[in-house]
Protein backbone atom coordinates (compact mmCIF):
# COMPACT_ATOMS: atom_id res chain seq x y z
CA MET A 1 -36.27 -33.95 -6.03
CA SER A 2 -36.78 -33.57 -2.31
CA SER A 3 -34.38 -31.74 -0.05
CA ASP A 4 -33.42 -35.16 1.30
CA GLY A 5 -32.04 -36.12 -2.10
CA ILE A 6 -32.38 -39.39 -3.90
CA ASN A 7 -31.66 -42.79 -2.44
CA VAL A 8 -29.63 -45.25 -4.48
CA ARG A 9 -29.18 -48.65 -2.97
CA ALA A 10 -26.79 -51.37 -3.99
CA VAL A 11 -27.32 -54.87 -2.71
CA VAL A 12 -24.42 -57.25 -2.34
CA LYS A 13 -25.31 -60.82 -1.47
CA ILE A 14 -23.01 -62.37 1.10
CA ASP A 15 -23.31 -65.81 2.60
CA ALA A 16 -25.02 -65.53 5.99
CA ASN A 17 -22.12 -67.27 7.75
CA ALA A 18 -19.61 -64.90 6.15
CA LEU A 19 -21.70 -61.89 7.17
CA ARG A 20 -21.89 -63.09 10.77
CA TRP A 21 -18.13 -63.66 10.77
CA PHE A 22 -17.46 -60.11 9.55
CA GLN A 23 -19.93 -58.68 12.07
CA ARG A 24 -18.22 -60.55 14.89
CA GLU A 25 -14.53 -60.50 13.84
CA ALA A 26 -14.11 -57.52 11.52
CA PRO A 27 -17.01 -55.07 11.76
CA GLN A 28 -14.69 -52.24 10.67
CA LYS A 29 -14.27 -54.04 7.32
CA LEU A 30 -18.03 -53.91 6.77
CA GLU A 31 -18.05 -50.17 7.53
CA LEU A 32 -15.08 -49.56 5.24
CA ALA A 33 -16.69 -51.58 2.45
CA ARG A 34 -19.89 -49.57 2.76
CA LYS A 35 -18.01 -46.26 2.74
CA ARG A 36 -15.93 -47.23 -0.30
CA ALA A 37 -19.06 -48.36 -2.14
CA VAL A 38 -20.82 -45.06 -1.47
CA GLU A 39 -17.77 -43.02 -2.48
CA ALA A 40 -17.29 -44.99 -5.71
CA ALA A 41 -20.96 -44.63 -6.64
CA GLY A 42 -20.76 -40.89 -5.99
CA MET A 43 -17.76 -40.56 -8.30
CA VAL A 44 -19.60 -42.35 -11.12
CA TRP A 45 -22.62 -40.06 -10.68
CA ALA A 46 -20.40 -36.97 -10.68
CA ASP A 47 -18.58 -38.09 -13.83
CA GLU A 48 -21.83 -38.69 -15.72
CA THR A 49 -23.29 -35.39 -14.54
CA LYS A 50 -20.17 -33.48 -15.58
CA GLN A 51 -20.34 -35.16 -19.01
CA ILE A 52 -24.00 -34.19 -19.51
CA THR A 53 -23.17 -30.61 -18.58
CA ARG A 54 -20.32 -30.48 -21.09
CA ASP A 55 -22.16 -32.34 -23.87
CA GLU A 56 -25.25 -30.15 -23.66
CA ASP A 57 -23.30 -26.93 -23.18
CA HIS A 58 -25.46 -25.82 -20.24
CA ILE A 59 -22.99 -23.43 -18.72
CA ASP A 60 -19.76 -22.01 -19.95
CA THR A 61 -17.95 -21.66 -16.64
CA SER A 62 -15.53 -24.22 -15.37
CA LEU A 63 -16.64 -23.47 -11.80
CA TYR A 64 -19.88 -25.43 -12.14
CA ILE A 65 -18.40 -28.46 -13.90
CA ASN A 66 -15.34 -28.53 -11.64
CA SER A 67 -17.65 -28.41 -8.61
CA ILE A 68 -19.94 -31.34 -9.37
CA GLY A 69 -19.26 -33.99 -6.74
CA TYR A 70 -15.52 -33.57 -6.51
CA SER A 71 -12.97 -31.05 -7.67
CA THR A 72 -11.63 -31.55 -11.20
CA GLY A 73 -9.82 -28.27 -11.49
CA SER A 74 -9.67 -24.75 -10.28
CA PRO A 75 -11.84 -22.94 -9.43
CA SER A 76 -14.20 -25.40 -7.76
CA ASN A 77 -16.60 -25.64 -4.86
CA PRO A 78 -17.93 -29.19 -4.67
CA LEU A 79 -20.57 -30.33 -2.23
CA TYR A 80 -19.30 -33.57 -0.74
CA VAL A 81 -20.36 -34.53 2.77
CA ILE A 82 -20.19 -38.13 3.90
CA ASP A 83 -22.08 -39.06 7.05
CA GLU A 84 -21.56 -42.45 8.59
CA GLY A 85 -24.18 -43.53 11.02
CA ARG A 86 -25.06 -46.81 12.59
CA GLY A 87 -25.39 -49.22 9.70
CA LYS A 88 -25.83 -46.45 7.14
CA THR A 89 -23.56 -44.23 5.07
CA VAL A 90 -25.05 -41.13 3.43
CA LEU A 91 -23.24 -39.06 0.83
CA LYS A 92 -24.55 -35.58 0.14
CA ILE A 93 -23.04 -34.65 -3.17
CA GLY A 94 -23.54 -31.90 -5.71
CA ALA A 95 -22.15 -28.52 -6.69
CA ASP A 96 -22.02 -25.80 -4.05
CA VAL A 97 -22.25 -22.87 -6.43
CA GLU A 98 -24.97 -20.24 -6.25
CA TYR A 99 -26.59 -21.10 -9.59
CA ALA A 100 -26.54 -24.91 -9.26
CA GLU A 101 -30.11 -25.03 -7.94
CA SER A 102 -31.51 -22.92 -10.77
CA LEU A 103 -29.69 -25.05 -13.36
CA GLU A 104 -31.11 -28.20 -11.80
CA LYS A 105 -34.63 -26.76 -11.83
CA ARG A 106 -34.32 -25.80 -15.51
CA PHE A 107 -32.41 -28.77 -16.94
CA SER A 108 -32.47 -31.61 -14.35
CA ILE A 109 -28.78 -32.16 -15.03
CA MET A 110 -28.00 -33.94 -11.78
CA ALA A 111 -31.15 -36.05 -11.85
CA ARG A 112 -30.41 -37.11 -15.42
CA GLY A 113 -26.82 -37.86 -14.40
CA LEU A 114 -28.23 -40.23 -11.81
CA ASP A 115 -30.49 -41.89 -14.37
CA VAL A 116 -27.57 -42.46 -16.73
CA ALA A 117 -25.17 -43.56 -13.99
CA GLU A 118 -27.38 -45.71 -11.78
CA SER A 119 -26.51 -49.09 -13.31
CA ARG A 120 -22.78 -48.35 -13.26
CA MET A 121 -23.07 -46.96 -9.73
CA ARG A 122 -24.45 -50.30 -8.54
CA LYS A 123 -21.64 -52.17 -10.29
CA VAL A 124 -18.83 -50.08 -8.82
CA ALA A 125 -20.43 -50.22 -5.37
CA THR A 126 -20.63 -54.01 -5.56
CA THR A 127 -17.03 -54.22 -6.76
CA GLN A 128 -15.81 -52.05 -3.88
CA VAL A 129 -17.61 -54.19 -1.30
CA LYS A 130 -16.17 -57.40 -2.74
CA LYS A 131 -12.65 -55.97 -3.00
CA THR A 132 -12.74 -54.66 0.54
CA LEU A 133 -14.20 -57.78 2.12
CA PHE A 134 -12.70 -60.53 0.02
CA GLY A 135 -9.79 -58.93 -1.82
CA GLY A 136 -11.19 -59.69 -5.27
CA SER A 137 -13.21 -57.93 -7.92
CA GLU A 138 -15.67 -60.67 -8.79
């Protein structure tokens, strides 16, 4: 895994006329939809990664598990930085604990979490975009 991380993309098909309308009349809705999609996908990844860590008994401290992606207890030190640029939202997510890197090198926990979660990440991202833009879940 590079220091830039891994890119996961979700594609939501929107009618061209609808897209132009949102760009012209409600560009903030497009930005909000993108942000919600990225956040939801990150939560799914974190949940799967936490589950792998617990199931495989990789580490017996709650600090690591509680720190993956978002805090699920105390103590915790999650890495969660969302950066919204022009037309792009980037979420840097992980566990900001000193031994996270060595665990990843040995067991590929986070990478495997991504493999397991990727399909569901796309689904929740798509759902968030549709809910935000159109008010529905379909």
